[in-house]
């Protein structure tokens, strides 16, 4: 197969998927133990949600979290309603 690029590959995977929830992890993602539970909690509230977890900043050499810097939690659904949220 010829390389299709990130977005085409995700679209193809999403269109081919048969499960209830689709999760894409990019190459820079380092999931922690039990990471999926909080995400599924928010998906189960509204199955049309696209859920993005809080994203810690990782040291590029050690892959350790920088505890002084974090991303933020955001959510938008298929109507493109966007909202910041807390647990």
PDB file of N, CA and C in Angstrom:
ATOM      1  N   UNK A   1       0.824  -1.191   0.000  1.00  0.00           N
ATOM      2  CA  UNK A   1       0.000   0.000   0.000  1.00  0.00           C
ATOM      3  C   UNK A   1       0.866   1.252   0.000  1.00  0.00           C
ATOM      4  N   UNK A   2       0.431   2.253  -0.720  1.00  0.00           N
ATOM      5  CA  UNK A   2       1.098   3.547  -0.760  1.00  0.00           C
ATOM      6  C   UNK A   2       0.724   4.353   0.494  1.00  0.00           C
ATOM      7  N   UNK A   3       1.651   5.118   1.028  1.00  0.00           N
ATOM      8  CA  UNK A   3       1.366   5.970   2.181  1.00  0.00           C
ATOM      9  C   UNK A   3       0.239   6.939   1.837  1.00  0.00           C
ATOM     10  N   UNK A   4      -0.684   7.094   2.770  1.00  0.00           N
ATOM     11  CA  UNK A   4      -1.835   7.962   2.561  1.00  0.00           C
ATOM     12  C   UNK A   4      -1.792   9.231   3.403  1.00  0.00           C
ATOM     13  N   UNK A   5      -0.935   9.266   4.398  1.00  0.00           N
ATOM     14  CA  UNK A   5      -0.870  10.422   5.278  1.00  0.00           C
ATOM     15  C   UNK A   5      -1.767  10.231   6.494  1.00  0.00           C
ATOM     16  N   UNK A   6      -1.590  11.092   7.486  1.00  0.00           N
ATOM     17  CA  UNK A   6      -2.271  10.971   8.768  1.00  0.00           C
ATOM     18  C   UNK A   6      -3.791  11.048   8.649  1.00  0.00           C
ATOM     19  N   UNK A   7      -4.301  12.093   8.054  1.00  0.00           N
ATOM     20  CA  UNK A   7      -5.748  12.306   8.015  1.00  0.00           C
ATOM     21  C   UNK A   7      -6.445  11.244   7.178  1.00  0.00           C
ATOM     22  N   UNK A   8      -5.940  10.944   6.003  1.00  0.00           N
ATOM     23  CA  UNK A   8      -6.554   9.895   5.183  1.00  0.00           C
ATOM     24  C   UNK A   8      -6.532   8.552   5.894  1.00  0.00           C
ATOM     25  N   UNK A   9      -5.437   8.266   6.594  1.00  0.00           N
ATOM     26  CA  UNK A   9      -5.337   7.004   7.327  1.00  0.00           C
ATOM     27  C   UNK A   9      -6.366   6.936   8.450  1.00  0.00           C
ATOM     28  N   UNK A  10      -6.546   8.039   9.174  1.00  0.00           N
ATOM     29  CA  UNK A  10      -7.551   8.064  10.239  1.00  0.00           C
ATOM     30  C   UNK A  10      -8.960   7.956   9.671  1.00  0.00           C
ATOM     31  N   UNK A  11      -9.209   8.639   8.568  1.00  0.00           N
ATOM     32  CA  UNK A  11     -10.532   8.531   7.933  1.00  0.00           C
ATOM     33  C   UNK A  11     -10.802   7.104   7.480  1.00  0.00           C
ATOM     34  N   UNK A  12      -9.818   6.484   6.884  1.00  0.00           N
ATOM     35  CA  UNK A  12      -9.982   5.097   6.430  1.00  0.00           C
ATOM     36  C   UNK A  12     -10.217   4.166   7.624  1.00  0.00           C
ATOM     37  N   UNK A  13      -9.421   4.347   8.670  1.00  0.00           N
ATOM     38  CA  UNK A  13      -9.605   3.539   9.874  1.00  0.00           C
ATOM     39  C   UNK A  13     -10.966   3.760  10.516  1.00  0.00           C
ATOM     40  N   UNK A  14     -11.381   5.021  10.592  1.00  0.00           N
ATOM     41  CA  UNK A  14     -12.690   5.332  11.171  1.00  0.00           C
ATOM     42  C   UNK A  14     -13.831   4.750  10.366  1.00  0.00           C
ATOM     43  N   UNK A  15     -13.728   4.820   9.063  1.00  0.00           N
ATOM     44  CA  UNK A  15     -14.775   4.277   8.200  1.00  0.00           C
ATOM     45  C   UNK A  15     -14.814   2.748   8.227  1.00  0.00           C
ATOM     46  N   UNK A  16     -13.691   2.129   8.538  1.00  0.00           N
ATOM     47  CA  UNK A  16     -13.600   0.666   8.575  1.00  0.00           C
ATOM     48  C   UNK A  16     -13.953   0.103   9.950  1.00  0.00           C
ATOM     49  N   UNK A  17     -13.818   0.914  10.994  1.00  0.00           N
ATOM     50  CA  UNK A  17     -14.012   0.451  12.377  1.00  0.00           C
ATOM     51  C   UNK A  17     -15.424  -0.079  12.603  1.00  0.00           C
ATOM     52  N   UNK A  18     -15.518  -1.075  13.476  1.00  0.00           N
ATOM     53  CA  UNK A  18     -16.806  -1.689  13.780  1.00  0.00           C
ATOM     54  C   UNK A  18     -17.204  -1.525  15.251  1.00  0.00           C
ATOM     55  N   UNK A  19     -16.328  -0.999  16.080  1.00  0.00           N
ATOM     56  CA  UNK A  19     -16.599  -0.880  17.511  1.00  0.00           C
ATOM     57  C   UNK A  19     -17.492   0.299  17.846  1.00  0.00           C
ATOM     58  N   UNK A  20     -17.824   0.413  19.124  1.00  0.00           N
ATOM     59  CA  UNK A  20     -18.677   1.503  19.608  1.00  0.00           C
ATOM     60  C   UNK A  20     -17.913   2.807  19.773  1.00  0.00           C
ATOM     61  N   UNK A  21     -16.620   2.728  20.052  1.00  0.00           N
ATOM     62  CA  UNK A  21     -15.794   3.910  20.283  1.00  0.00           C
ATOM     63  C   UNK A  21     -14.521   3.768  19.459  1.00  0.00           C
ATOM     64  N   UNK A  22     -14.118   4.847  18.836  1.00  0.00           N
ATOM     65  CA  UNK A  22     -12.867   4.868  18.075  1.00  0.00           C
ATOM     66  C   UNK A  22     -11.887   5.761  18.823  1.00  0.00           C
ATOM     67  N   UNK A  23     -10.681   5.261  19.034  1.00  0.00           N
ATOM     68  CA  UNK A  23      -9.634   6.031  19.709  1.00  0.00           C
ATOM     69  C   UNK A  23      -8.422   6.081  18.794  1.00  0.00           C
ATOM     70  N   UNK A  24      -7.951   7.273  18.518  1.00  0.00           N
ATOM     71  CA  UNK A  24      -6.717   7.452  17.759  1.00  0.00           C
ATOM     72  C   UNK A  24      -5.652   7.991  18.695  1.00  0.00           C
ATOM     73  N   UNK A  25      -4.511   7.348  18.730  1.00  0.00           N
ATOM     74  CA  UNK A  25      -3.370   7.830  19.504  1.00  0.00           C
ATOM     75  C   UNK A  25      -2.263   8.198  18.528  1.00  0.00           C
ATOM     76  N   UNK A  26      -1.782   9.407  18.626  1.00  0.00           N
ATOM     77  CA  UNK A  26      -0.684   9.841  17.771  1.00  0.00           C
ATOM     78  C   UNK A  26       0.640   9.362  18.343  1.00  0.00           C
ATOM     79  N   UNK A  27       1.685   9.484  17.563  1.00  0.00           N
ATOM     80  CA  UNK A  27       2.992   8.947  17.929  1.00  0.00           C
ATOM     81  C   UNK A  27       3.557   9.568  19.201  1.00  0.00           C
ATOM     82  N   UNK A  28       3.175  10.787  19.531  1.00  0.00           N
ATOM     83  CA  UNK A  28       3.726  11.458  20.705  1.00  0.00           C
ATOM     84  C   UNK A  28       2.933  11.177  21.978  1.00  0.00           C
ATOM     85  N   UNK A  29       1.928  10.317  21.922  1.00  0.00           N
ATOM     86  CA  UNK A  29       1.059  10.047  23.060  1.00  0.00           C
ATOM     87  C   UNK A  29       1.618   8.903  23.897  1.00  0.00           C
ATOM     88  N   UNK A  30       1.621   9.101  25.207  1.00  0.00           N
ATOM     89  CA  UNK A  30       2.083   8.079  26.145  1.00  0.00           C
ATOM     90  C   UNK A  30       0.953   7.817  27.142  1.00  0.00           C
ATOM     91  N   UNK A  31       0.054   6.878  26.839  1.00  0.00           N
ATOM     92  CA  UNK A  31      -1.069   6.630  27.751  1.00  0.00           C
ATOM     93  C   UNK A  31      -0.595   6.024  29.070  1.00  0.00           C
ATOM     94  N   UNK A  32      -1.217   6.471  30.148  1.00  0.00           N
ATOM     95  CA  UNK A  32      -0.928   5.925  31.474  1.00  0.00           C
ATOM     96  C   UNK A  32      -1.871   4.761  31.746  1.00  0.00           C
ATOM     97  N   UNK A  33      -1.581   3.987  32.771  1.00  0.00           N
ATOM     98  CA  UNK A  33      -2.432   2.874  33.163  1.00  0.00           C
ATOM     99  C   UNK A  33      -3.858   3.382  33.433  1.00  0.00           C
ATOM    100  N   UNK A  34      -4.856   2.651  32.946  1.00  0.00           N
ATOM    101  CA  UNK A  34      -6.283   2.968  33.133  1.00  0.00           C
ATOM    102  C   UNK A  34      -6.696   4.292  32.491  1.00  0.00           C
ATOM    103  N   UNK A  35      -6.026   4.713  31.467  1.00  0.00           N
ATOM    104  CA  UNK A  35      -6.288   6.000  30.826  1.00  0.00           C
ATOM    105  C   UNK A  35      -7.642   6.060  30.138  1.00  0.00           C
ATOM    106  N   UNK A  36      -8.166   4.947  29.692  1.00  0.00           N
ATOM    107  CA  UNK A  36      -9.382   4.970  28.873  1.00  0.00           C
ATOM    108  C   UNK A  36     -10.654   5.240  29.689  1.00  0.00           C
ATOM    109  N   UNK A  37     -10.667   4.896  30.968  1.00  0.00           N
ATOM    110  CA  UNK A  37     -11.872   5.044  31.793  1.00  0.00           C
ATOM    111  C   UNK A  37     -12.460   6.445  31.798  1.00  0.00           C
ATOM    112  N   UNK A  38     -11.682   7.472  32.136  1.00  0.00           N
ATOM    113  CA  UNK A  38     -12.233   8.833  32.152  1.00  0.00           C
ATOM    114  C   UNK A  38     -12.731   9.291  30.777  1.00  0.00           C
ATOM    115  N   UNK A  39     -12.076   8.856  29.727  1.00  0.00           N
ATOM    116  CA  UNK A  39     -12.529   9.238  28.387  1.00  0.00           C
ATOM    117  C   UNK A  39     -13.871   8.589  28.083  1.00  0.00           C
ATOM    118  N   UNK A  40     -13.998   7.298  28.375  1.00  0.00           N
ATOM    119  CA  UNK A  40     -15.265   6.600  28.129  1.00  0.00           C
ATOM    120  C   UNK A  40     -16.394   7.168  28.974  1.00  0.00           C
ATOM    121  N   UNK A  41     -16.077   7.652  30.174  1.00  0.00           N
ATOM    122  CA  UNK A  41     -17.099   8.280  31.023  1.00  0.00           C
ATOM    123  C   UNK A  41     -17.762   9.445  30.285  1.00  0.00           C
ATOM    124  N   UNK A  42     -16.958  10.274  29.644  1.00  0.00           N
ATOM    125  CA  UNK A  42     -17.502  11.429  28.933  1.00  0.00           C
ATOM    126  C   UNK A  42     -18.179  11.028  27.633  1.00  0.00           C
ATOM    127  N   UNK A  43     -17.663  10.023  26.958  1.00  0.00           N
ATOM    128  CA  UNK A  43     -18.293   9.537  25.736  1.00  0.00           C
ATOM    129  C   UNK A  43     -19.661   8.940  26.062  1.00  0.00           C
ATOM    130  N   UNK A  44     -19.768   8.232  27.189  1.00  0.00           N
ATOM    131  CA  UNK A  44     -21.026   7.595  27.567  1.00  0.00           C
ATOM    132  C   UNK A  44     -22.111   8.593  27.939  1.00  0.00           C
ATOM    133  N   UNK A  45     -21.740   9.813  28.324  1.00  0.00           N
ATOM    134  CA  UNK A  45     -22.730  10.854  28.601  1.00  0.00           C
ATOM    135  C   UNK A  45     -23.421  11.266  27.305  1.00  0.00           C
ATOM    136  N   UNK A  46     -22.650  11.381  26.228  1.00  0.00           N
ATOM    137  CA  UNK A  46     -23.186  11.748  24.916  1.00  0.00           C
ATOM    138  C   UNK A  46     -22.316  11.061  23.873  1.00  0.00           C
ATOM    139  N   UNK A  47     -22.852  10.025  23.246  1.00  0.00           N
ATOM    140  CA  UNK A  47     -22.057   9.211  22.327  1.00  0.00           C
ATOM    141  C   UNK A  47     -21.563   9.978  21.101  1.00  0.00           C
ATOM    142  N   UNK A  48     -22.057  11.172  20.870  1.00  0.00           N
ATOM    143  CA  UNK A  48     -21.612  11.969  19.728  1.00  0.00           C
ATOM    144  C   UNK A  48     -20.412  12.851  20.064  1.00  0.00           C
ATOM    145  N   UNK A  49     -19.942  12.786  21.269  1.00  0.00           N
ATOM    146  CA  UNK A  49     -18.824  13.628  21.687  1.00  0.00           C
ATOM    147  C   UNK A  49     -17.504  13.159  21.102  1.00  0.00           C
ATOM    148  N   UNK A  50     -16.654  14.120  20.858  1.00  0.00           N
ATOM    149  CA  UNK A  50     -15.245  13.866  20.600  1.00  0.00           C
ATOM    150  C   UNK A  50     -14.542  14.323  21.871  1.00  0.00           C
ATOM    151  N   UNK A  51     -13.904  13.412  22.561  1.00  0.00           N
ATOM    152  CA  UNK A  51     -13.306  13.729  23.858  1.00  0.00           C
ATOM    153  C   UNK A  51     -11.794  13.794  23.716  1.00  0.00           C
ATOM    154  N   UNK A  52     -11.225  14.853  24.270  1.00  0.00           N
ATOM    155  CA  UNK A  52      -9.778  15.035  24.262  1.00  0.00           C
ATOM    156  C   UNK A  52      -9.343  15.177  25.718  1.00  0.00           C
ATOM    157  N   UNK A  53      -8.437  14.336  26.186  1.00  0.00           N
ATOM    158  CA  UNK A  53      -8.034  14.393  27.598  1.00  0.00           C
ATOM    159  C   UNK A  53      -7.106  15.565  27.872  1.00  0.00           C
ATOM    160  N   UNK A  54      -6.877  15.824  29.162  1.00  0.00           N
ATOM    161  CA  UNK A  54      -5.850  16.792  29.528  1.00  0.00           C
ATOM    162  C   UNK A  54      -4.518  16.252  29.021  1.00  0.00           C
ATOM    163  N   UNK A  55      -3.720  17.108  28.492  1.00  0.00           N
ATOM    164  CA  UNK A  55      -2.497  16.663  27.833  1.00  0.00           C
ATOM    165  C   UNK A  55      -1.291  17.236  28.568  1.00  0.00           C
ATOM    166  N   UNK A  56      -0.552  16.382  29.277  1.00  0.00           N
ATOM    167  CA  UNK A  56       0.657  16.883  29.933  1.00  0.00           C
ATOM    168  C   UNK A  56       1.757  17.111  28.905  1.00  0.00           C
ATOM    169  N   UNK A  57       2.640  17.992  29.241  1.00  0.00           N
ATOM    170  CA  UNK A  57       3.795  18.250  28.392  1.00  0.00           C
ATOM    171  C   UNK A  57       4.888  17.266  28.786  1.00  0.00           C
ATOM    172  N   UNK A  58       5.419  16.518  27.805  1.00  0.00           N
ATOM    173  CA  UNK A  58       6.446  15.522  28.076  1.00  0.00           C
ATOM    174  C   UNK A  58       7.821  16.038  27.665  1.00  0.00           C
ATOM    175  N   UNK A  59       8.823  15.678  28.446  1.00  0.00           N
ATOM    176  CA  UNK A  59      10.205  15.956  28.084  1.00  0.00           C
ATOM    177  C   UNK A  59      10.557  15.072  26.889  1.00  0.00           C
ATOM    178  N   UNK A  60      11.045  15.648  25.820  1.00  0.00           N
ATOM    179  CA  UNK A  60      11.327  14.914  24.602  1.00  0.00           C
ATOM    180  C   UNK A  60      12.417  13.868  24.727  1.00  0.00           C
ATOM    181  N   UNK A  61      13.296  14.028  25.708  1.00  0.00           N
ATOM    182  CA  UNK A  61      14.384  13.069  25.889  1.00  0.00           C
ATOM    183  C   UNK A  61      14.024  11.934  26.827  1.00  0.00           C
ATOM    184  N   UNK A  62      13.292  12.256  27.897  1.00  0.00           N
ATOM    185  CA  UNK A  62      13.015  11.249  28.932  1.00  0.00           C
ATOM    186  C   UNK A  62      11.575  10.729  28.901  1.00  0.00           C
ATOM    187  N   UNK A  63      10.683  11.405  28.240  1.00  0.00           N
ATOM    188  CA  UNK A  63       9.241  11.104  28.220  1.00  0.00           C
ATOM    189  C   UNK A  63       8.616  11.228  29.600  1.00  0.00           C
ATOM    190  N   UNK A  64       9.249  11.949  30.498  1.00  0.00           N
ATOM    191  CA  UNK A  64       8.675  12.222  31.818  1.00  0.00           C
ATOM    192  C   UNK A  64       7.812  13.466  31.717  1.00  0.00           C
ATOM    193  N   UNK A  65       6.726  13.474  32.517  1.00  0.00           N
ATOM    194  CA  UNK A  65       5.832  14.629  32.509  1.00  0.00           C
ATOM    195  C   UNK A  65       6.493  15.830  33.174  1.00  0.00           C
ATOM    196  N   UNK A  66       6.256  17.004  32.607  1.00  0.00           N
ATOM    197  CA  UNK A  66       6.654  18.255  33.225  1.00  0.00           C
ATOM    198  C   UNK A  66       5.467  18.687  34.087  1.00  0.00           C
ATOM    199  N   UNK A  67       5.572  18.489  35.400  1.00  0.00           N
ATOM    200  CA  UNK A  67       4.447  18.736  36.300  1.00  0.00           C
ATOM    201  C   UNK A  67       4.054  20.198  36.409  1.00  0.00           C
ATOM    202  N   UNK A  68       4.856  21.103  35.896  1.00  0.00           N
ATOM    203  CA  UNK A  68       4.535  22.527  36.015  1.00  0.00           C
ATOM    204  C   UNK A  68       3.762  23.053  34.799  1.00  0.00           C
ATOM    205  N   UNK A  69       3.622  22.237  33.760  1.00  0.00           N
ATOM    206  CA  UNK A  69       2.945  22.693  32.542  1.00  0.00           C
ATOM    207  C   UNK A  69       1.940  21.621  32.092  1.00  0.00           C
ATOM    208  N   UNK A  70       0.702  22.019  31.828  1.00  0.00           N
ATOM    209  CA  UNK A  70      -0.308  21.092  31.331  1.00  0.00           C
ATOM    210  C   UNK A  70      -1.119  21.738  30.223  1.00  0.00           C
ATOM    211  N   UNK A  71      -1.709  20.917  29.397  1.00  0.00           N
ATOM    212  CA  UNK A  71      -2.690  21.383  28.435  1.00  0.00           C
ATOM    213  C   UNK A  71      -4.000  21.605  29.171  1.00  0.00           C
ATOM    214  N   UNK A  72      -5.063  21.746  28.441  1.00  0.00           N
ATOM    215  CA  UNK A  72      -6.373  21.984  29.047  1.00  0.00           C
ATOM    216  C   UNK A  72      -7.375  20.973  28.517  1.00  0.00           C
ATOM    217  N   UNK A  73      -8.503  20.831  29.218  1.00  0.00           N
ATOM    218  CA  UNK A  73      -9.548  19.904  28.799  1.00  0.00           C
ATOM    219  C   UNK A  73     -10.550  20.645  27.925  1.00  0.00           C
ATOM    220  N   UNK A  74     -10.890  20.022  26.814  1.00  0.00           N
ATOM    221  CA  UNK A  74     -11.860  20.630  25.916  1.00  0.00           C
ATOM    222  C   UNK A  74     -12.758  19.538  25.368  1.00  0.00           C
ATOM    223  N   UNK A  75     -13.907  19.931  24.844  1.00  0.00           N
ATOM    224  CA  UNK A  75     -14.849  18.979  24.299  1.00  0.00           C
ATOM    225  C   UNK A  75     -15.645  19.670  23.209  1.00  0.00           C
ATOM    226  N   UNK A  76     -15.906  18.959  22.108  1.00  0.00           N
ATOM    227  CA  UNK A  76     -16.902  19.435  21.165  1.00  0.00           C
ATOM    228  C   UNK A  76     -17.633  18.229  20.607  1.00  0.00           C
ATOM    229  N   UNK A  77     -18.903  18.455  20.232  1.00  0.00           N
ATOM    230  CA  UNK A  77     -19.694  17.348  19.707  1.00  0.00           C
ATOM    231  C   UNK A  77     -19.842  17.515  18.200  1.00  0.00           C
ATOM    232  N   UNK A  78     -20.636  16.643  17.579  1.00  0.00           N
ATOM    233  CA  UNK A  78     -20.743  16.654  16.116  1.00  0.00           C
ATOM    234  C   UNK A  78     -21.410  17.913  15.564  1.00  0.00           C
ATOM    235  N   UNK A  79     -22.100  18.680  16.417  1.00  0.00           N
ATOM    236  CA  UNK A  79     -22.653  19.965  15.965  1.00  0.00           C
ATOM    237  C   UNK A  79     -21.594  21.053  16.029  1.00  0.00           C
ATOM    238  N   UNK A  80     -20.385  20.658  16.464  1.00  0.00           N
ATOM    239  CA  UNK A  80     -19.231  21.543  16.630  1.00  0.00           C
ATOM    240  C   UNK A  80     -19.400  22.503  17.798  1.00  0.00           C
ATOM    241  N   UNK A  81     -20.313  22.156  18.749  1.00  0.00           N
ATOM    242  CA  UNK A  81     -20.412  22.902  19.998  1.00  0.00           C
ATOM    243  C   UNK A  81     -19.138  22.658  20.779  1.00  0.00           C
ATOM    244  N   UNK A  82     -18.434  23.703  21.138  1.00  0.00           N
ATOM    245  CA  UNK A  82     -17.155  23.596  21.834  1.00  0.00           C
ATOM    246  C   UNK A  82     -17.297  24.105  23.247  1.00  0.00           C
ATOM    247  N   UNK A  83     -16.637  23.418  24.192  1.00  0.00           N
ATOM    248  CA  UNK A  83     -16.700  23.856  25.579  1.00  0.00           C
ATOM    249  C   UNK A  83     -15.463  23.397  26.336  1.00  0.00           C
ATOM    250  N   UNK A  84     -14.964  24.228  27.226  1.00  0.00           N
ATOM    251  CA  UNK A  84     -13.924  23.813  28.165  1.00  0.00           C
ATOM    252  C   UNK A  84     -14.647  23.133  29.311  1.00  0.00           C
ATOM    253  N   UNK A  85     -14.037  22.144  29.963  1.00  0.00           N
ATOM    254  CA  UNK A  85     -14.719  21.500  31.068  1.00  0.00           C
ATOM    255  C   UNK A  85     -13.737  21.000  32.111  1.00  0.00           C
ATOM    256  N   UNK A  86     -14.264  20.765  33.297  1.00  0.00           N
ATOM    257  CA  UNK A  86     -13.540  20.139  34.396  1.00  0.00           C
ATOM    258  C   UNK A  86     -14.263  18.852  34.743  1.00  0.00           C
ATOM    259  N   UNK A  87     -13.594  17.937  35.422  1.00  0.00           N
ATOM    260  CA  UNK A  87     -14.239  16.691  35.848  1.00  0.00           C
ATOM    261  C   UNK A  87     -15.320  16.984  36.858  1.00  0.00           C
TER     262      UNK A  87
END
